[in-house]
Amino acid sequence: KADEGLATISEDGRSPISLRQMAYVSGLSFGIISGVFSVINILADSI
């Protein structure tokens, strides 16, 4: 939905961010927050 909105307000009618870039960033953010929780649990075990 956001991509469609960005495309409608852009000058050339295309979104400035591709869906592939959004997919990569989304997967990376899911992974990073998952990793942060995993590492925090491991560090808590080390105490």
All heavy atoms as atom14 arrays in JSON, in Angstrom:
{
  "sequence": "KADEGLATISEDGRSPISLRQMAYVSGLSFGIISGVFSVINILADSI",
  "atom14_mask": [
    [1, 1, 1, 1, 1, 1, 1, 1, 1, 0, 0, 0, 0, 0],
    [1, 1, 1, 1, 1, 0, 0, 0, 0, 0, 0, 0, 0, 0],
    [1, 1, 1, 1, 1, 1, 1, 1, 0, 0, 0, 0, 0, 0],
    [1, 1, 1, 1, 1, 1, 1, 1, 1, 0, 0, 0, 0, 0],
    [1, 1, 1, 1, 0, 0, 0, 0, 0, 0, 0, 0, 0, 0],
    [1, 1, 1, 1, 1, 1, 1, 1, 0, 0, 0, 0, 0, 0],
    [1, 1, 1, 1, 1, 0, 0, 0, 0, 0, 0, 0, 0, 0],
    [1, 1, 1, 1, 1, 1, 1, 0, 0, 0, 0, 0, 0, 0],
    [1, 1, 1, 1, 1, 1, 1, 1, 0, 0, 0, 0, 0, 0],
    [1, 1, 1, 1, 1, 1, 0, 0, 0, 0, 0, 0, 0, 0],
    [1, 1, 1, 1, 1, 1, 1, 1, 1, 0, 0, 0, 0, 0],
    [1, 1, 1, 1, 1, 1, 1, 1, 0, 0, 0, 0, 0, 0],
    [1, 1, 1, 1, 0, 0, 0, 0, 0, 0, 0, 0, 0, 0],
    [1, 1, 1, 1, 1, 1, 1, 1, 1, 1, 1, 0, 0, 0],
    [1, 1, 1, 1, 1, 1, 0, 0, 0, 0, 0, 0, 0, 0],
    [1, 1, 1, 1, 1, 1, 1, 0, 0, 0, 0, 0, 0, 0],
    [1, 1, 1, 1, 1, 1, 1, 1, 0, 0, 0, 0, 0, 0],
    [1, 1, 1, 1, 1, 1, 0, 0, 0, 0, 0, 0, 0, 0],
    [1, 1, 1, 1, 1, 1, 1, 1, 0, 0, 0, 0, 0, 0],
    [1, 1, 1, 1, 1, 1, 1, 1, 1, 1, 1, 0, 0, 0],
    [1, 1, 1, 1, 1, 1, 1, 1, 1, 0, 0, 0, 0, 0],
    [1, 1, 1, 1, 1, 1, 1, 1, 0, 0, 0, 0, 0, 0],
    [1, 1, 1, 1, 1, 0, 0, 0, 0, 0, 0, 0, 0, 0],
    [1, 1, 1, 1, 1, 1, 1, 1, 1, 1, 1, 1, 0, 0],
    [1, 1, 1, 1, 1, 1, 1, 0, 0, 0, 0, 0, 0, 0],
    [1, 1, 1, 1, 1, 1, 0, 0, 0, 0, 0, 0, 0, 0],
    [1, 1, 1, 1, 0, 0, 0, 0, 0, 0, 0, 0, 0, 0],
    [1, 1, 1, 1, 1, 1, 1, 1, 0, 0, 0, 0, 0, 0],
    [1, 1, 1, 1, 1, 1, 0, 0, 0, 0, 0, 0, 0, 0],
    [1, 1, 1, 1, 1, 1, 1, 1, 1, 1, 1, 0, 0, 0],
    [1, 1, 1, 1, 0, 0, 0, 0, 0, 0, 0, 0, 0, 0],
    [1, 1, 1, 1, 1, 1, 1, 1, 0, 0, 0, 0, 0, 0],
    [1, 1, 1, 1, 1, 1, 1, 1, 0, 0, 0, 0, 0, 0],
    [1, 1, 1, 1, 1, 1, 0, 0, 0, 0, 0, 0, 0, 0],
    [1, 1, 1, 1, 0, 0, 0, 0, 0, 0, 0, 0, 0, 0],
    [1, 1, 1, 1, 1, 1, 1, 0, 0, 0, 0, 0, 0, 0],
    [1, 1, 1, 1, 1, 1, 1, 1, 1, 1, 1, 0, 0, 0],
    [1, 1, 1, 1, 1, 1, 0, 0, 0, 0, 0, 0, 0, 0],
    [1, 1, 1, 1, 1, 1, 1, 0, 0, 0, 0, 0, 0, 0],
    [1, 1, 1, 1, 1, 1, 1, 1, 0, 0, 0, 0, 0, 0],
    [1, 1, 1, 1, 1, 1, 1, 1, 0, 0, 0, 0, 0, 0],
    [1, 1, 1, 1, 1, 1, 1, 1, 0, 0, 0, 0, 0, 0],
    [1, 1, 1, 1, 1, 1, 1, 1, 0, 0, 0, 0, 0, 0],
    [1, 1, 1, 1, 1, 0, 0, 0, 0, 0, 0, 0, 0, 0],
    [1, 1, 1, 1, 1, 1, 1, 1, 0, 0, 0, 0, 0, 0],
    [1, 1, 1, 1, 1, 1, 0, 0, 0, 0, 0, 0, 0, 0],
    [1, 1, 1, 1, 1, 1, 1, 1, 0, 0, 0, 0, 0, 0]
  ],
  "atom14_positions": [
    [[0.84, -1.21, 0.0], [0.0, 0.0, 0.0], [0.87, 1.26, 0.0], [0.59, 2.23, -0.71], [-0.91, 0.02, 1.22], [-2.03, -0.95, 1.16], [-3.25, -0.25, 0.66], [-4.43, -1.18, 0.82], [-5.39, -1.0, -0.2], [0.0, 0.0, 0.0], [0.0, 0.0, 0.0], [0.0, 0.0, 0.0], [0.0, 0.0, 0.0], [0.0, 0.0, 0.0]],
    [[1.92, 1.25, 0.81], [2.83, 2.4, 0.87], [3.53, 2.61, -0.47], [3.72, 3.75, -0.91], [3.85, 2.2, 1.98], [0.0, 0.0, 0.0], [0.0, 0.0, 0.0], [0.0, 0.0, 0.0], [0.0, 0.0, 0.0], [0.0, 0.0, 0.0], [0.0, 0.0, 0.0], [0.0, 0.0, 0.0], [0.0, 0.0, 0.0], [0.0, 0.0, 0.0]],
    [[3.89, 1.51, -1.13], [4.54, 1.6, -2.43], [3.61, 2.23, -3.47], [4.04, 3.05, -4.28], [4.97, 0.19, -2.87], [5.85, 0.22, -4.09], [6.79, 1.03, -4.14], [5.6, -0.59, -5.02], [0.0, 0.0, 0.0], [0.0, 0.0, 0.0], [0.0, 0.0, 0.0], [0.0, 0.0, 0.0], [0.0, 0.0, 0.0], [0.0, 0.0, 0.0]],
    [[2.34, 1.84, -3.41], [1.37, 2.43, -4.34], [1.21, 3.93, -4.06], [1.11, 4.74, -4.99], [0.02, 1.72, -4.2], [0.03, 0.3, -4.7], [-1.22, -0.48, -4.31], [-2.15, 0.12, -3.71], [-1.27, -1.69, -4.6], [0.0, 0.0, 0.0], [0.0, 0.0, 0.0], [0.0, 0.0, 0.0], [0.0, 0.0, 0.0], [0.0, 0.0, 0.0]],
    [[1.18, 4.3, -2.79], [1.07, 5.7, -2.43], [2.29, 6.5, -2.86], [2.17, 7.62, -3.35], [0.0, 0.0, 0.0], [0.0, 0.0, 0.0], [0.0, 0.0, 0.0], [0.0, 0.0, 0.0], [0.0, 0.0, 0.0], [0.0, 0.0, 0.0], [0.0, 0.0, 0.0], [0.0, 0.0, 0.0], [0.0, 0.0, 0.0], [0.0, 0.0, 0.0]],
    [[3.47, 5.92, -2.69], [4.7, 6.61, -3.13], [4.72, 6.79, -4.64], [5.19, 7.8, -5.14], [5.93, 5.82, -2.67], [6.29, 5.88, -1.2], [7.41, 4.9, -0.89], [6.7, 7.29, -0.81], [0.0, 0.0, 0.0], [0.0, 0.0, 0.0], [0.0, 0.0, 0.0], [0.0, 0.0, 0.0], [0.0, 0.0, 0.0], [0.0, 0.0, 0.0]],
    [[4.22, 5.79, -5.35], [4.19, 5.88, -6.81], [3.24, 6.97, -7.28], [3.51, 7.65, -8.27], [3.81, 4.53, -7.42], [0.0, 0.0, 0.0], [0.0, 0.0, 0.0], [0.0, 0.0, 0.0], [0.0, 0.0, 0.0], [0.0, 0.0, 0.0], [0.0, 0.0, 0.0], [0.0, 0.0, 0.0], [0.0, 0.0, 0.0], [0.0, 0.0, 0.0]],
    [[2.12, 7.16, -6.59], [1.15, 8.17, -7.03], [1.64, 9.59, -6.79], [1.29, 10.49, -7.55], [-0.21, 7.98, -6.33], [-0.03, 8.05, -4.92], [-0.85, 6.68, -6.71], [0.0, 0.0, 0.0], [0.0, 0.0, 0.0], [0.0, 0.0, 0.0], [0.0, 0.0, 0.0], [0.0, 0.0, 0.0], [0.0, 0.0, 0.0], [0.0, 0.0, 0.0]],
    [[2.47, 9.78, -5.77], [2.93, 11.16, -5.5], [4.27, 11.48, -6.13], [4.71, 12.63, -6.1], [2.99, 11.44, -3.98], [4.0, 10.55, -3.28], [1.63, 11.34, -3.35], [4.27, 10.94, -1.84], [0.0, 0.0, 0.0], [0.0, 0.0, 0.0], [0.0, 0.0, 0.0], [0.0, 0.0, 0.0], [0.0, 0.0, 0.0], [0.0, 0.0, 0.0]],
    [[4.93, 10.48, -6.72], [6.23, 10.75, -7.35], [6.01, 11.41, -8.71], [4.95, 11.3, -9.33], [7.04, 9.47, -7.5], [6.48, 8.63, -8.47], [0.0, 0.0, 0.0], [0.0, 0.0, 0.0], [0.0, 0.0, 0.0], [0.0, 0.0, 0.0], [0.0, 0.0, 0.0], [0.0, 0.0, 0.0], [0.0, 0.0, 0.0], [0.0, 0.0, 0.0]],
    [[7.01, 12.1, -9.17], [6.91, 12.84, -10.44], [6.84, 11.93, -11.65], [6.15, 12.23, -12.61], [8.12, 13.77, -10.56], [8.11, 14.89, -9.55], [9.35, 15.76, -9.64], [10.18, 15.54, -10.54], [9.47, 16.66, -8.8], [0.0, 0.0, 0.0], [0.0, 0.0, 0.0], [0.0, 0.0, 0.0], [0.0, 0.0, 0.0], [0.0, 0.0, 0.0]],
    [[7.58, 10.82, -11.6], [7.6, 9.93, -12.77], [6.64, 8.76, -12.65], [6.58, 7.91, -13.54], [9.02, 9.42, -13.02], [9.59, 8.62, -11.87], [8.94, 8.55, -10.82], [10.7, 8.08, -12.03], [0.0, 0.0, 0.0], [0.0, 0.0, 0.0], [0.0, 0.0, 0.0], [0.0, 0.0, 0.0], [0.0, 0.0, 0.0], [0.0, 0.0, 0.0]],
    [[5.86, 8.68, -11.57], [4.86, 7.62, -11.43], [5.41, 6.29, -10.95], [4.72, 5.29, -10.95], [0.0, 0.0, 0.0], [0.0, 0.0, 0.0], [0.0, 0.0, 0.0], [0.0, 0.0, 0.0], [0.0, 0.0, 0.0], [0.0, 0.0, 0.0], [0.0, 0.0, 0.0], [0.0, 0.0, 0.0], [0.0, 0.0, 0.0], [0.0, 0.0, 0.0]],
    [[6.7, 6.3, -10.57], [7.31, 5.08, -10.06], [7.73, 5.29, -8.61], [8.09, 6.39, -8.21], [8.55, 4.69, -10.88], [8.21, 4.26, -12.29], [9.42, 3.78, -13.04], [10.51, 4.77, -12.95], [11.8, 4.45, -13.02], [12.18, 3.23, -13.16], [12.71, 5.39, -12.93], [0.0, 0.0, 0.0], [0.0, 0.0, 0.0], [0.0, 0.0, 0.0]],
    [[7.7, 4.22, -7.86], [8.12, 4.28, -6.46], [9.64, 4.44, -6.39], [10.36, 3.82, -7.17], [7.69, 3.02, -5.73], [8.17, 3.02, -4.42], [0.0, 0.0, 0.0], [0.0, 0.0, 0.0], [0.0, 0.0, 0.0], [0.0, 0.0, 0.0], [0.0, 0.0, 0.0], [0.0, 0.0, 0.0], [0.0, 0.0, 0.0], [0.0, 0.0, 0.0]],
    [[10.12, 5.27, -5.47], [11.58, 5.43, -5.35], [12.28, 4.21, -4.76], [13.49, 4.08, -4.87], [11.73, 6.65, -4.43], [10.46, 6.73, -3.67], [9.4, 6.15, -4.56], [0.0, 0.0, 0.0], [0.0, 0.0, 0.0], [0.0, 0.0, 0.0], [0.0, 0.0, 0.0], [0.0, 0.0, 0.0], [0.0, 0.0, 0.0], [0.0, 0.0, 0.0]],
    [[11.53, 3.33, -4.14], [12.1, 2.12, -3.53], [11.44, 0.91, -4.18], [10.22, 0.84, -4.28], [11.85, 2.1, -2.0], [12.46, 3.32, -1.35], [12.4, 0.83, -1.38], [12.11, 3.47, 0.12], [0.0, 0.0, 0.0], [0.0, 0.0, 0.0], [0.0, 0.0, 0.0], [0.0, 0.0, 0.0], [0.0, 0.0, 0.0], [0.0, 0.0, 0.0]],
    [[12.25, -0.04, -4.59], [11.69, -1.23, -5.22], [11.18, -2.21, -4.15], [11.58, -2.15, -2.99], [12.73, -1.92, -6.09], [13.69, -2.58, -5.29], [0.0, 0.0, 0.0], [0.0, 0.0, 0.0], [0.0, 0.0, 0.0], [0.0, 0.0, 0.0], [0.0, 0.0, 0.0], [0.0, 0.0, 0.0], [0.0, 0.0, 0.0], [0.0, 0.0, 0.0]],
    [[10.31, -3.09, -4.57], [9.78, -4.1, -3.66], [10.88, -5.04, -3.18], [10.87, -5.51, -2.05], [8.66, -4.89, -4.33], [7.84, -5.76, -3.4], [7.04, -4.89, -2.43], [6.94, -6.67, -4.16], [0.0, 0.0, 0.0], [0.0, 0.0, 0.0], [0.0, 0.0, 0.0], [0.0, 0.0, 0.0], [0.0, 0.0, 0.0], [0.0, 0.0, 0.0]],
    [[11.87, -5.28, -4.03], [12.99, -6.14, -3.63], [13.8, -5.5, -2.52], [14.25, -6.18, -1.6], [13.89, -6.43, -4.83], [13.3, -7.41, -5.78], [14.26, -7.76, -6.87], [13.66, -8.72, -7.76], [14.16, -9.04, -8.93], [15.25, -8.44, -9.35], [13.56, -9.92, -9.68], [0.0, 0.0, 0.0], [0.0, 0.0, 0.0], [0.0, 0.0, 0.0]],
    [[14.0, -4.19, -2.6], [14.72, -3.5, -1.53], [13.93, -3.55, -0.23], [14.49, -3.77, 0.84], [14.98, -2.05, -1.92], [16.0, -1.88, -3.01], [16.05, -0.45, -3.53], [15.05, 0.24, -3.57], [17.25, -0.03, -3.94], [0.0, 0.0, 0.0], [0.0, 0.0, 0.0], [0.0, 0.0, 0.0], [0.0, 0.0, 0.0], [0.0, 0.0, 0.0]],
    [[12.63, -3.37, -0.34], [11.78, -3.44, 0.86], [11.79, -4.85, 1.45], [11.79, -5.02, 2.66], [10.36, -3.0, 0.54], [10.23, -1.51, 0.35], [8.52, -0.99, 0.26], [8.23, -1.05, -1.49], [0.0, 0.0, 0.0], [0.0, 0.0, 0.0], [0.0, 0.0, 0.0], [0.0, 0.0, 0.0], [0.0, 0.0, 0.0], [0.0, 0.0, 0.0]],
    [[11.8, -5.86, 0.59], [11.83, -7.24, 1.06], [13.14, -7.52, 1.8], [13.15, -8.16, 2.86], [11.67, -8.2, -0.1], [0.0, 0.0, 0.0], [0.0, 0.0, 0.0], [0.0, 0.0, 0.0], [0.0, 0.0, 0.0], [0.0, 0.0, 0.0], [0.0, 0.0, 0.0], [0.0, 0.0, 0.0], [0.0, 0.0, 0.0], [0.0, 0.0, 0.0]],
    [[14.23, -7.03, 1.24], [15.54, -7.23, 1.87], [15.6, -6.55, 3.23], [16.02, -7.15, 4.23], [16.64, -6.7, 0.95], [18.01, -6.75, 1.56], [18.67, -7.96, 1.71], [18.63, -5.6, 2.02], [19.92, -8.02, 2.29], [19.88, -5.65, 2.6], [20.52, -6.86, 2.73], [21.75, -6.92, 3.32], [0.0, 0.0, 0.0], [0.0, 0.0, 0.0]],
    [[15.15, -5.31, 3.29], [15.18, -4.56, 4.55], [14.25, -5.21, 5.57], [14.58, -5.32, 6.76], [14.83, -3.08, 4.31], [14.61, -2.35, 5.61], [15.91, -2.42, 3.48], [0.0, 0.0, 0.0], [0.0, 0.0, 0.0], [0.0, 0.0, 0.0], [0.0, 0.0, 0.0], [0.0, 0.0, 0.0], [0.0, 0.0, 0.0], [0.0, 0.0, 0.0]],
    [[13.08, -5.66, 5.12], [12.14, -6.3, 6.02], [12.72, -7.59, 6.6], [12.66, -7.83, 7.81], [10.84, -6.61, 5.28], [10.02, -7.44, 6.03], [0.0, 0.0, 0.0], [0.0, 0.0, 0.0], [0.0, 0.0, 0.0], [0.0, 0.0, 0.0], [0.0, 0.0, 0.0], [0.0, 0.0, 0.0], [0.0, 0.0, 0.0], [0.0, 0.0, 0.0]],
    [[13.27, -8.43, 5.75], [13.87, -9.68, 6.22], [15.05, -9.44, 7.13], [15.21, -10.12, 8.15], [0.0, 0.0, 0.0], [0.0, 0.0, 0.0], [0.0, 0.0, 0.0], [0.0, 0.0, 0.0], [0.0, 0.0, 0.0], [0.0, 0.0, 0.0], [0.0, 0.0, 0.0], [0.0, 0.0, 0.0], [0.0, 0.0, 0.0], [0.0, 0.0, 0.0]],
    [[15.86, -8.43, 6.79], [17.01, -8.11, 7.63], [16.57, -7.59, 9.0], [17.14, -7.96, 10.02], [17.9, -7.09, 6.93], [19.23, -6.79, 7.6], [20.09, -8.04, 7.68], [19.96, -5.69, 6.82], [0.0, 0.0, 0.0], [0.0, 0.0, 0.0], [0.0, 0.0, 0.0], [0.0, 0.0, 0.0], [0.0, 0.0, 0.0], [0.0, 0.0, 0.0]],
    [[15.52, -6.78, 9.02], [15.06, -6.27, 10.32], [14.45, -7.39, 11.16], [14.66, -7.43, 12.37], [14.07, -5.12, 10.13], [12.86, -5.58, 9.56], [0.0, 0.0, 0.0], [0.0, 0.0, 0.0], [0.0, 0.0, 0.0], [0.0, 0.0, 0.0], [0.0, 0.0, 0.0], [0.0, 0.0, 0.0], [0.0, 0.0, 0.0], [0.0, 0.0, 0.0]],
    [[13.71, -8.31, 10.54], [13.2, -9.47, 11.27], [14.37, -10.27, 11.84], [14.34, -10.69, 13.0], [12.38, -10.38, 10.34], [10.91, -10.12, 10.35], [10.39, -8.88, 10.04], [10.01, -11.13, 10.65], [9.03, -8.65, 10.04], [8.65, -10.92, 10.65], [8.16, -9.67, 10.34], [0.0, 0.0, 0.0], [0.0, 0.0, 0.0], [0.0, 0.0, 0.0]],
    [[15.4, -10.46, 11.02], [16.56, -11.24, 11.46], [17.35, -10.56, 12.56], [17.77, -11.2, 13.52], [0.0, 0.0, 0.0], [0.0, 0.0, 0.0], [0.0, 0.0, 0.0], [0.0, 0.0, 0.0], [0.0, 0.0, 0.0], [0.0, 0.0, 0.0], [0.0, 0.0, 0.0], [0.0, 0.0, 0.0], [0.0, 0.0, 0.0], [0.0, 0.0, 0.0]],
    [[17.55, -9.25, 12.43], [18.35, -8.54, 13.42], [17.65, -8.54, 14.78], [18.28, -8.8, 15.81], [18.68, -7.12, 12.95], [19.73, -7.18, 11.83], [19.17, -6.25, 14.09], [20.02, -5.85, 11.18], [0.0, 0.0, 0.0], [0.0, 0.0, 0.0], [0.0, 0.0, 0.0], [0.0, 0.0, 0.0], [0.0, 0.0, 0.0], [0.0, 0.0, 0.0]],
    [[16.35, -8.27, 14.79], [15.66, -8.25, 16.08], [15.59, -9.65, 16.67], [15.7, -9.84, 17.88], [14.27, -7.57, 15.97], [13.74, -7.19, 17.37], [13.28, -8.44, 15.28], [14.47, -6.09, 18.03], [0.0, 0.0, 0.0], [0.0, 0.0, 0.0], [0.0, 0.0, 0.0], [0.0, 0.0, 0.0], [0.0, 0.0, 0.0], [0.0, 0.0, 0.0]],
    [[15.45, -10.67, 15.83], [15.49, -12.05, 16.3], [16.86, -12.37, 16.88], [16.97, -12.99, 17.94], [15.17, -12.99, 15.14], [15.4, -14.32, 15.49], [0.0, 0.0, 0.0], [0.0, 0.0, 0.0], [0.0, 0.0, 0.0], [0.0, 0.0, 0.0], [0.0, 0.0, 0.0], [0.0, 0.0, 0.0], [0.0, 0.0, 0.0], [0.0, 0.0, 0.0]],
    [[17.91, -11.94, 16.21], [19.27, -12.15, 16.7], [19.55, -11.42, 17.99], [20.22, -11.94, 18.88], [0.0, 0.0, 0.0], [0.0, 0.0, 0.0], [0.0, 0.0, 0.0], [0.0, 0.0, 0.0], [0.0, 0.0, 0.0], [0.0, 0.0, 0.0], [0.0, 0.0, 0.0], [0.0, 0.0, 0.0], [0.0, 0.0, 0.0], [0.0, 0.0, 0.0]],
    [[19.04, -10.2, 18.11], [19.22, -9.43, 19.34], [18.6, -10.17, 20.52], [19.21, -10.3, 21.59], [18.64, -8.01, 19.2], [18.5, -7.32, 20.53], [19.51, -7.18, 18.27], [0.0, 0.0, 0.0], [0.0, 0.0, 0.0], [0.0, 0.0, 0.0], [0.0, 0.0, 0.0], [0.0, 0.0, 0.0], [0.0, 0.0, 0.0], [0.0, 0.0, 0.0]],
    [[17.39, -10.67, 20.33], [16.74, -11.42, 21.41], [17.51, -12.69, 21.73], [17.65, -13.06, 22.89], [15.29, -11.74, 21.04], [14.32, -10.74, 21.58], [14.2, -9.49, 21.0], [13.54, -11.05, 22.68], [13.33, -8.57, 21.49], [12.66, -10.11, 23.2], [12.55, -8.87, 22.6], [0.0, 0.0, 0.0], [0.0, 0.0, 0.0], [0.0, 0.0, 0.0]],
    [[18.01, -13.36, 20.72], [18.77, -14.58, 20.94], [20.06, -14.29, 21.72], [20.38, -15.0, 22.68], [19.11, -15.22, 19.59], [19.85, -16.38, 19.76], [0.0, 0.0, 0.0], [0.0, 0.0, 0.0], [0.0, 0.0, 0.0], [0.0, 0.0, 0.0], [0.0, 0.0, 0.0], [0.0, 0.0, 0.0], [0.0, 0.0, 0.0], [0.0, 0.0, 0.0]],
    [[20.77, -13.27, 21.33], [22.03, -12.93, 21.99], [21.79, -12.46, 23.42], [22.55, -12.79, 24.33], [22.81, -11.88, 21.16], [23.95, -11.29, 21.95], [23.34, -12.51, 19.89], [0.0, 0.0, 0.0], [0.0, 0.0, 0.0], [0.0, 0.0, 0.0], [0.0, 0.0, 0.0], [0.0, 0.0, 0.0], [0.0, 0.0, 0.0], [0.0, 0.0, 0.0]],
    [[20.72, -11.7, 23.63], [20.42, -11.24, 24.98], [20.15, -12.43, 25.9], [20.6, -12.46, 27.05], [19.22, -10.26, 24.98], [19.69, -8.92, 24.43], [18.63, -10.09, 26.37], [18.6, -7.91, 24.23], [0.0, 0.0, 0.0], [0.0, 0.0, 0.0], [0.0, 0.0, 0.0], [0.0, 0.0, 0.0], [0.0, 0.0, 0.0], [0.0, 0.0, 0.0]],
    [[19.42, -13.42, 25.4], [19.17, -14.62, 26.21], [20.46, -15.37, 26.52], [20.64, -15.88, 27.62], [18.17, -15.54, 25.51], [16.77, -14.99, 25.54], [16.4, -14.24, 26.43], [15.98, -15.36, 24.55], [0.0, 0.0, 0.0], [0.0, 0.0, 0.0], [0.0, 0.0, 0.0], [0.0, 0.0, 0.0], [0.0, 0.0, 0.0], [0.0, 0.0, 0.0]],
    [[21.36, -15.44, 25.57], [22.63, -16.13, 25.78], [23.49, -15.36, 26.78], [24.11, -15.94, 27.67], [23.36, -16.33, 24.44], [22.6, -17.34, 23.6], [24.79, -16.78, 24.66], [22.98, -17.37, 22.16], [0.0, 0.0, 0.0], [0.0, 0.0, 0.0], [0.0, 0.0, 0.0], [0.0, 0.0, 0.0], [0.0, 0.0, 0.0], [0.0, 0.0, 0.0]],
    [[23.51, -14.03, 26.65], [24.27, -13.22, 27.6], [23.67, -13.31, 29.0], [24.4, -13.29, 30.0], [24.33, -11.77, 27.13], [25.17, -11.52, 25.88], [25.09, -10.06, 25.46], [26.61, -11.94, 26.11], [0.0, 0.0, 0.0], [0.0, 0.0, 0.0], [0.0, 0.0, 0.0], [0.0, 0.0, 0.0], [0.0, 0.0, 0.0], [0.0, 0.0, 0.0]],
    [[22.36, -13.4, 29.09], [21.72, -13.58, 30.4], [22.13, -14.92, 31.01], [22.32, -15.01, 32.23], [20.21, -13.49, 30.27], [0.0, 0.0, 0.0], [0.0, 0.0, 0.0], [0.0, 0.0, 0.0], [0.0, 0.0, 0.0], [0.0, 0.0, 0.0], [0.0, 0.0, 0.0], [0.0, 0.0, 0.0], [0.0, 0.0, 0.0], [0.0, 0.0, 0.0]],
    [[22.28, -15.96, 30.2], [22.75, -17.25, 30.69], [24.19, -17.16, 31.21], [24.56, -17.85, 32.15], [22.7, -18.32, 29.6], [21.3, -18.8, 29.32], [20.4, -18.54, 30.15], [21.1, -19.43, 28.26], [0.0, 0.0, 0.0], [0.0, 0.0, 0.0], [0.0, 0.0, 0.0], [0.0, 0.0, 0.0], [0.0, 0.0, 0.0], [0.0, 0.0, 0.0]],
    [[24.99, -16.3, 30.61], [26.39, -16.21, 31.0], [26.57, -15.55, 32.36], [27.61, -15.7, 32.99], [27.19, -15.44, 29.95], [26.85, -14.07, 29.98], [0.0, 0.0, 0.0], [0.0, 0.0, 0.0], [0.0, 0.0, 0.0], [0.0, 0.0, 0.0], [0.0, 0.0, 0.0], [0.0, 0.0, 0.0], [0.0, 0.0, 0.0], [0.0, 0.0, 0.0]],
    [[25.57, -14.83, 32.84], [25.67, -14.16, 34.12], [25.5, -15.15, 35.28], [26.01, -14.94, 36.36], [24.61, -13.03, 34.21], [24.95, -11.95, 33.2], [24.55, -12.43, 35.6], [23.89, -10.89, 33.06], [0.0, 0.0, 0.0], [0.0, 0.0, 0.0], [0.0, 0.0, 0.0], [0.0, 0.0, 0.0], [0.0, 0.0, 0.0], [0.0, 0.0, 0.0]]
  ]
}
